[in-house]
Every structure is written in structure tokens, then in C-alpha cells.
């Protein structure tokens, strides 16, 4: 199974042209490009073939105007070295993990929190992190605005931590808003399918 690095969230939107210029400069051809429908919000996914064993990916979501880059490869060390090199070629463009975490811990502005949740969905650590988990659990279960709860749940789909499954099951059975419950069911089914 291919290895995926942590996605690097970018602080400018969109950046597809910038990443394409970087790829073109290195002679990496586009191997995949498609517009996505992220549940009523448009998005874009583009992959460049760096080698037979390594791909550079770009993903953007127009729900919160967030984009990121990621490396996928056969060798974890090679993929990590490569994404670190790409990050160095994008000076002052990558949001660090600590800043992403701070964004989801501040619930004073629901719009900012919603955008931060999408950023965190893209850029959370690959391994389980208790602080990220708690922030998502709170936003998805106790935030007073149902749209924020829904965005928190949708963003869990990108994180892929099985620890979210009990949270999603609880939401599925106790959430008062039908749309939010349906979103939890959708994400939970995706988690269950990934386990099989």
C-alpha cells in the first residue's frame, strides 16, 4: 500500500498554478486532474508524476478556500524527504501543525473555526494526536452551530483515525439535526469501508 505524507496546508488560496509551475520546472507531468464536488462546494485534485514510485498531489476545497500538497510514494523515507524539499521550495506558504492546532482550539468566531477545521482535516498529523482529537470531538458534538458541527464531521474524513468511529456513532444516535446526523453516517460508513 502506498505511503502518504502529512498534507502540508498552504496559507494562500488557490495555489494550483504555483504548484503546477513548480512541477513544470522539474519536468513532472500531470498524471491526474479532476474537479471535485465536496458536497456542494467545488474542489480540485491534481497529481504530478515525480517518478514511477512517487507522486506530488494538490488538493483544494472551496467550502473554506483551503488547499494543500502531499507526497504519495512506495518508500516512506523518500516521500518524506521529497515533501520536505517541496515545502522548502514554498517559503512562508506552509502553515505549521502548531498553528493549525491553535485554530481549532479557538471557538470565538464560528467562521474562522469552520475554516480551521477544514485546514486541520487536511493537515492533521498522520498518527493519532490527543489535542487534535479533543478539538474535533468538541466541535462535532457540542458546538452550538450545526454547520460547524457538520464541517467538523466532514473534515474527520480526511484524518482517518479509527478513534473517531465511537464519536461518529454517538453523533449518529444523539445529534438533533438531521443533516448533521446524515453527515456522521456518511463519514462513519467511509471509515468502516476503509477497515475492510
C-alpha atoms as a PDB file:
ATOM      1  CA  UNK A   1       0.000   0.000   0.000  1.00  0.00           C
ATOM      2  CA  UNK A   2       1.435   3.439  -0.908  1.00  0.00           C
ATOM      3  CA  UNK A   3       2.680   5.722   1.847  1.00  0.00           C
ATOM      4  CA  UNK A   4       1.121   9.191   2.247  1.00  0.00           C
ATOM      5  CA  UNK A   5       2.923  12.030   3.986  1.00  0.00           C
ATOM      6  CA  UNK A   6       1.136  14.517   6.207  1.00  0.00           C
ATOM      7  CA  UNK A   7      -0.588  17.013   3.954  1.00  0.00           C
ATOM      8  CA  UNK A   8       1.002  20.483   4.021  1.00  0.00           C
ATOM      9  CA  UNK A   9      -1.726  23.122   4.268  1.00  0.00           C
ATOM     10  CA  UNK A  10      -0.946  26.275   2.306  1.00  0.00           C
ATOM     11  CA  UNK A  11      -1.681  29.784   3.583  1.00  0.00           C
ATOM     12  CA  UNK A  12      -2.720  31.195   0.211  1.00  0.00           C
ATOM     13  CA  UNK A  13      -5.662  30.112  -1.927  1.00  0.00           C
ATOM     14  CA  UNK A  14      -5.721  28.904  -4.604  1.00  0.00           C
ATOM     15  CA  UNK A  15      -2.184  27.723  -5.367  1.00  0.00           C
ATOM     16  CA  UNK A  16      -2.766  25.233  -8.171  1.00  0.00           C
ATOM     17  CA  UNK A  17      -0.955  27.441 -10.702  1.00  0.00           C
ATOM     18  CA  UNK A  18       2.026  27.911  -8.366  1.00  0.00           C
ATOM     19  CA  UNK A  19       2.320  24.164  -7.777  1.00  0.00           C
ATOM     20  CA  UNK A  20       1.910  23.492 -11.499  1.00  0.00           C
ATOM     21  CA  UNK A  21       4.759  25.931 -12.246  1.00  0.00           C
ATOM     22  CA  UNK A  22       6.948  24.171  -9.676  1.00  0.00           C
ATOM     23  CA  UNK A  23       6.112  20.780 -11.197  1.00  0.00           C
ATOM     24  CA  UNK A  24       6.620  22.048 -14.770  1.00  0.00           C
ATOM     25  CA  UNK A  25      10.026  23.457 -13.797  1.00  0.00           C
ATOM     26  CA  UNK A  26      11.095  19.995 -12.656  1.00  0.00           C
ATOM     27  CA  UNK A  27       9.547  18.179 -15.619  1.00  0.00           C
ATOM     28  CA  UNK A  28       6.895  16.355 -13.580  1.00  0.00           C
ATOM     29  CA  UNK A  29       3.913  15.608 -15.861  1.00  0.00           C
ATOM     30  CA  UNK A  30       0.318  15.731 -14.652  1.00  0.00           C
ATOM     31  CA  UNK A  31      -0.884  12.172 -14.090  1.00  0.00           C
ATOM     32  CA  UNK A  32      -4.356  13.000 -12.765  1.00  0.00           C
ATOM     33  CA  UNK A  33      -6.551  16.088 -12.685  1.00  0.00           C
ATOM     34  CA  UNK A  34     -10.185  16.387 -11.730  1.00  0.00           C
ATOM     35  CA  UNK A  35     -12.644  18.870 -10.347  1.00  0.00           C
ATOM     36  CA  UNK A  36     -14.324  17.505  -7.238  1.00  0.00           C
ATOM     37  CA  UNK A  37     -17.694  18.109  -5.679  1.00  0.00           C
ATOM     38  CA  UNK A  38     -17.070  18.316  -1.941  1.00  0.00           C
ATOM     39  CA  UNK A  39     -20.763  18.221  -1.060  1.00  0.00           C
ATOM     40  CA  UNK A  40     -21.915  21.390  -2.785  1.00  0.00           C
ATOM     41  CA  UNK A  41     -18.519  23.071  -2.571  1.00  0.00           C
ATOM     42  CA  UNK A  42     -16.240  22.724  -5.554  1.00  0.00           C
ATOM     43  CA  UNK A  43     -12.719  21.406  -5.280  1.00  0.00           C
ATOM     44  CA  UNK A  44      -9.752  20.400  -7.367  1.00  0.00           C
ATOM     45  CA  UNK A  45      -7.363  17.462  -7.182  1.00  0.00           C
ATOM     46  CA  UNK A  46      -4.203  17.302  -9.301  1.00  0.00           C
ATOM     47  CA  UNK A  47      -1.342  14.766  -9.204  1.00  0.00           C
ATOM     48  CA  UNK A  48       2.079  15.070 -10.819  1.00  0.00           C
ATOM     49  CA  UNK A  49       4.244  12.033 -11.507  1.00  0.00           C
ATOM     50  CA  UNK A  50       7.633  12.742  -9.942  1.00  0.00           C
ATOM     51  CA  UNK A  51       8.830   9.204 -10.679  1.00  0.00           C
ATOM     52  CA  UNK A  52       7.331   5.745 -11.090  1.00  0.00           C
ATOM     53  CA  UNK A  53       7.421   5.458  -7.288  1.00  0.00           C
ATOM     54  CA  UNK A  54       6.460   8.980  -6.207  1.00  0.00           C
ATOM     55  CA  UNK A  55       3.590  11.415  -6.790  1.00  0.00           C
ATOM     56  CA  UNK A  56       3.025  15.025  -5.757  1.00  0.00           C
ATOM     57  CA  UNK A  57      -0.612  15.768  -5.035  1.00  0.00           C
ATOM     58  CA  UNK A  58      -2.511  19.053  -4.719  1.00  0.00           C
ATOM     59  CA  UNK A  59      -5.980  19.231  -3.206  1.00  0.00           C
ATOM     60  CA  UNK A  60      -8.255  22.214  -2.675  1.00  0.00           C
ATOM     61  CA  UNK A  61     -11.669  22.653  -1.128  1.00  0.00           C
ATOM     62  CA  UNK A  62     -13.796  25.658  -1.992  1.00  0.00           C
ATOM     63  CA  UNK A  63     -16.033  25.139   1.051  1.00  0.00           C
ATOM     64  CA  UNK A  64     -13.463  27.002   3.150  1.00  0.00           C
ATOM     65  CA  UNK A  65     -10.942  28.037   0.474  1.00  0.00           C
ATOM     66  CA  UNK A  66      -8.242  25.704   1.762  1.00  0.00           C
ATOM     67  CA  UNK A  67      -5.563  23.878  -0.235  1.00  0.00           C
ATOM     68  CA  UNK A  68      -2.659  21.560   0.463  1.00  0.00           C
ATOM     69  CA  UNK A  69       0.130  19.487  -1.080  1.00  0.00           C
ATOM     70  CA  UNK A  70       1.050  15.907  -0.256  1.00  0.00           C
ATOM     71  CA  UNK A  71       3.526  13.252  -1.383  1.00  0.00           C
ATOM     72  CA  UNK A  72       2.494   9.654  -2.014  1.00  0.00           C
ATOM     73  CA  UNK A  73       5.113   7.018  -2.686  1.00  0.00           C
ATOM     74  CA  UNK A  74       6.275   3.455  -2.355  1.00  0.00           C
ATOM     75  CA  UNK A  75       9.034   4.387   0.113  1.00  0.00           C
ATOM     76  CA  UNK A  76       8.172   6.403   3.239  1.00  0.00           C
ATOM     77  CA  UNK A  77      11.630   7.951   3.672  1.00  0.00           C
ATOM     78  CA  UNK A  78      11.768   9.048   0.038  1.00  0.00           C
ATOM     79  CA  UNK A  79       8.266  10.563   0.260  1.00  0.00           C
ATOM     80  CA  UNK A  80       9.118  12.418   3.482  1.00  0.00           C
ATOM     81  CA  UNK A  81      12.372  13.788   2.037  1.00  0.00           C
ATOM     82  CA  UNK A  82      10.528  14.877  -1.085  1.00  0.00           C
ATOM     83  CA  UNK A  83       7.681  16.709   0.711  1.00  0.00           C
ATOM     84  CA  UNK A  84      10.247  18.458   2.941  1.00  0.00           C
ATOM     85  CA  UNK A  85      12.038  19.606  -0.225  1.00  0.00           C
ATOM     86  CA  UNK A  86       8.747  20.820  -1.754  1.00  0.00           C
ATOM     87  CA  UNK A  87       7.979  22.697   1.467  1.00  0.00           C
ATOM     88  CA  UNK A  88      11.397  24.421   1.236  1.00  0.00           C
ATOM     89  CA  UNK A  89      10.524  25.492  -2.321  1.00  0.00           C
ATOM     90  CA  UNK A  90       7.363  27.167  -0.974  1.00  0.00           C
ATOM     91  CA  UNK A  91       8.876  29.580   1.565  1.00  0.00           C
ATOM     92  CA  UNK A  92       6.383  31.090   4.023  1.00  0.00           C
ATOM     93  CA  UNK A  93       3.493  29.262   2.347  1.00  0.00           C
ATOM     94  CA  UNK A  94       3.036  26.196   4.589  1.00  0.00           C
ATOM     95  CA  UNK A  95       1.057  26.508   7.818  1.00  0.00           C
ATOM     96  CA  UNK A  96       2.764  24.588  10.608  1.00  0.00           C
ATOM     97  CA  UNK A  97       0.969  21.999  12.716  1.00  0.00           C
ATOM     98  CA  UNK A  98       1.070  24.116  15.890  1.00  0.00           C
ATOM     99  CA  UNK A  99      -0.751  26.970  14.123  1.00  0.00           C
ATOM    100  CA  UNK A 100      -3.340  24.567  12.710  1.00  0.00           C
ATOM    101  CA  UNK A 101      -3.965  23.203  16.206  1.00  0.00           C
ATOM    102  CA  UNK A 102      -4.381  26.697  17.676  1.00  0.00           C
ATOM    103  CA  UNK A 103      -7.001  27.463  15.011  1.00  0.00           C
ATOM    104  CA  UNK A 104      -9.257  24.577  16.046  1.00  0.00           C
ATOM    105  CA  UNK A 105      -8.884  25.342  19.749  1.00  0.00           C
ATOM    106  CA  UNK A 106     -10.312  28.858  19.358  1.00  0.00           C
ATOM    107  CA  UNK A 107     -14.096  28.794  19.021  1.00  0.00           C
ATOM    108  CA  UNK A 108     -14.688  32.543  19.451  1.00  0.00           C
ATOM    109  CA  UNK A 109     -15.501  33.064  15.734  1.00  0.00           C
ATOM    110  CA  UNK A 110     -17.575  30.280  14.114  1.00  0.00           C
ATOM    111  CA  UNK A 111     -16.456  31.175  10.567  1.00  0.00           C
ATOM    112  CA  UNK A 112     -12.781  31.076  11.493  1.00  0.00           C
ATOM    113  CA  UNK A 113     -13.321  27.848  13.392  1.00  0.00           C
ATOM    114  CA  UNK A 114     -15.033  26.259  10.371  1.00  0.00           C
ATOM    115  CA  UNK A 115     -12.103  27.177   8.101  1.00  0.00           C
ATOM    116  CA  UNK A 116      -9.623  25.968  10.734  1.00  0.00           C
ATOM    117  CA  UNK A 117     -11.429  22.623  10.955  1.00  0.00           C
ATOM    118  CA  UNK A 118     -11.039  22.099   7.197  1.00  0.00           C
ATOM    119  CA  UNK A 119      -7.359  23.077   7.457  1.00  0.00           C
ATOM    120  CA  UNK A 120      -6.935  20.617  10.317  1.00  0.00           C
ATOM    121  CA  UNK A 121      -8.717  17.891   8.367  1.00  0.00           C
ATOM    122  CA  UNK A 122      -6.172  18.323   5.605  1.00  0.00           C
ATOM    123  CA  UNK A 123      -3.114  18.954   7.791  1.00  0.00           C
ATOM    124  CA  UNK A 124      -3.532  16.916  10.985  1.00  0.00           C
ATOM    125  CA  UNK A 125      -0.700  14.560  11.942  1.00  0.00           C
ATOM    126  CA  UNK A 126      -0.913  11.090  10.434  1.00  0.00           C
ATOM    127  CA  UNK A 127      -0.584   9.444  13.848  1.00  0.00           C
ATOM    128  CA  UNK A 128      -3.322   9.937  16.449  1.00  0.00           C
ATOM    129  CA  UNK A 129      -2.943  13.190  18.394  1.00  0.00           C
ATOM    130  CA  UNK A 130      -4.971  13.732  21.567  1.00  0.00           C
ATOM    131  CA  UNK A 131      -5.170  17.540  21.226  1.00  0.00           C
ATOM    132  CA  UNK A 132      -6.477  17.408  17.650  1.00  0.00           C
ATOM    133  CA  UNK A 133      -8.875  14.632  18.637  1.00  0.00           C
ATOM    134  CA  UNK A 134     -10.351  16.572  21.573  1.00  0.00           C
ATOM    135  CA  UNK A 135     -10.821  19.726  19.474  1.00  0.00           C
ATOM    136  CA  UNK A 136     -12.660  17.754  16.763  1.00  0.00           C
ATOM    137  CA  UNK A 137     -14.732  15.863  19.313  1.00  0.00           C
ATOM    138  CA  UNK A 138     -15.881  19.108  20.944  1.00  0.00           C
ATOM    139  CA  UNK A 139     -16.578  20.888  17.658  1.00  0.00           C
ATOM    140  CA  UNK A 140     -18.543  17.942  16.268  1.00  0.00           C
ATOM    141  CA  UNK A 141     -20.623  17.188  19.356  1.00  0.00           C
ATOM    142  CA  UNK A 142     -21.083  20.360  21.427  1.00  0.00           C
ATOM    143  CA  UNK A 143     -20.683  23.409  19.181  1.00  0.00           C
ATOM    144  CA  UNK A 144     -23.983  25.344  19.237  1.00  0.00           C
ATOM    145  CA  UNK A 145     -23.981  25.992  15.462  1.00  0.00           C
ATOM    146  CA  UNK A 146     -24.961  22.903  13.487  1.00  0.00           C
ATOM    147  CA  UNK A 147     -22.973  23.960  10.376  1.00  0.00           C
ATOM    148  CA  UNK A 148     -19.776  24.000  12.450  1.00  0.00           C
ATOM    149  CA  UNK A 149     -20.590  20.523  13.796  1.00  0.00           C
ATOM    150  CA  UNK A 150     -21.198  19.339  10.238  1.00  0.00           C
ATOM    151  CA  UNK A 151     -17.901  20.758   8.933  1.00  0.00           C
ATOM    152  CA  UNK A 152     -16.033  19.158  11.852  1.00  0.00           C
ATOM    153  CA  UNK A 153     -17.540  15.782  10.940  1.00  0.00           C
ATOM    154  CA  UNK A 154     -16.823  16.183   7.219  1.00  0.00           C
ATOM    155  CA  UNK A 155     -13.205  17.115   7.997  1.00  0.00           C
ATOM    156  CA  UNK A 156     -12.745  13.916  10.034  1.00  0.00           C
ATOM    157  CA  UNK A 157     -12.978  12.006   6.765  1.00  0.00           C
ATOM    158  CA  UNK A 158      -9.529  13.308   5.766  1.00  0.00           C
ATOM    159  CA  UNK A 159      -7.873  12.460   9.096  1.00  0.00           C
ATOM    160  CA  UNK A 160      -8.685   8.739   9.020  1.00  0.00           C
ATOM    161  CA  UNK A 161      -8.152   7.989  12.723  1.00  0.00           C
ATOM    162  CA  UNK A 162     -10.235   4.996  13.861  1.00  0.00           C
ATOM    163  CA  UNK A 163     -10.553   6.718  17.265  1.00  0.00           C
ATOM    164  CA  UNK A 164     -13.190   8.949  15.641  1.00  0.00           C
ATOM    165  CA  UNK A 165     -15.524   5.998  15.000  1.00  0.00           C
ATOM    166  CA  UNK A 166     -17.110   5.917  18.502  1.00  0.00           C
ATOM    167  CA  UNK A 167     -17.608   9.703  18.304  1.00  0.00           C
ATOM    168  CA  UNK A 168     -19.335   9.341  14.941  1.00  0.00           C
ATOM    169  CA  UNK A 169     -21.564   6.549  16.266  1.00  0.00           C
ATOM    170  CA  UNK A 170     -22.598   8.743  19.197  1.00  0.00           C
ATOM    171  CA  UNK A 171     -23.396  11.636  16.858  1.00  0.00           C
ATOM    172  CA  UNK A 172     -25.339   9.281  14.600  1.00  0.00           C
ATOM    173  CA  UNK A 173     -27.599   8.268  17.501  1.00  0.00           C
ATOM    174  CA  UNK A 174     -27.880  11.523  19.512  1.00  0.00           C
ATOM    175  CA  UNK A 175     -27.438  14.517  17.168  1.00  0.00           C
ATOM    176  CA  UNK A 176     -30.708  16.507  16.925  1.00  0.00           C
ATOM    177  CA  UNK A 177     -30.009  17.939  13.441  1.00  0.00           C
ATOM    178  CA  UNK A 178     -30.905  15.519  10.640  1.00  0.00           C
ATOM    179  CA  UNK A 179     -28.298  16.886   8.201  1.00  0.00           C
ATOM    180  CA  UNK A 180     -25.518  16.589  10.766  1.00  0.00           C
ATOM    181  CA  UNK A 181     -26.625  13.029  11.632  1.00  0.00           C
ATOM    182  CA  UNK A 182     -26.566  12.117   7.934  1.00  0.00           C
ATOM    183  CA  UNK A 183     -23.058  13.572   7.577  1.00  0.00           C
ATOM    184  CA  UNK A 184     -21.880  11.484  10.551  1.00  0.00           C
ATOM    185  CA  UNK A 185     -23.370   8.346   8.971  1.00  0.00           C
ATOM    186  CA  UNK A 186     -21.642   9.078   5.667  1.00  0.00           C
ATOM    187  CA  UNK A 187     -18.222   9.582   7.269  1.00  0.00           C
ATOM    188  CA  UNK A 188     -18.678   6.568   9.542  1.00  0.00           C
ATOM    189  CA  UNK A 189     -19.509   4.335   6.556  1.00  0.00           C
ATOM    190  CA  UNK A 190     -16.336   5.566   4.823  1.00  0.00           C
ATOM    191  CA  UNK A 191     -14.310   4.655   7.924  1.00  0.00           C
ATOM    192  CA  UNK A 192     -15.924   1.220   8.080  1.00  0.00           C
ATOM    193  CA  UNK A 193     -15.247   0.598   4.374  1.00  0.00           C
ATOM    194  CA  UNK A 194     -11.589   1.580   4.843  1.00  0.00           C
ATOM    195  CA  UNK A 195     -11.238  -1.008   7.623  1.00  0.00           C
ATOM    196  CA  UNK A 196     -12.389  -3.847   5.337  1.00  0.00           C
END
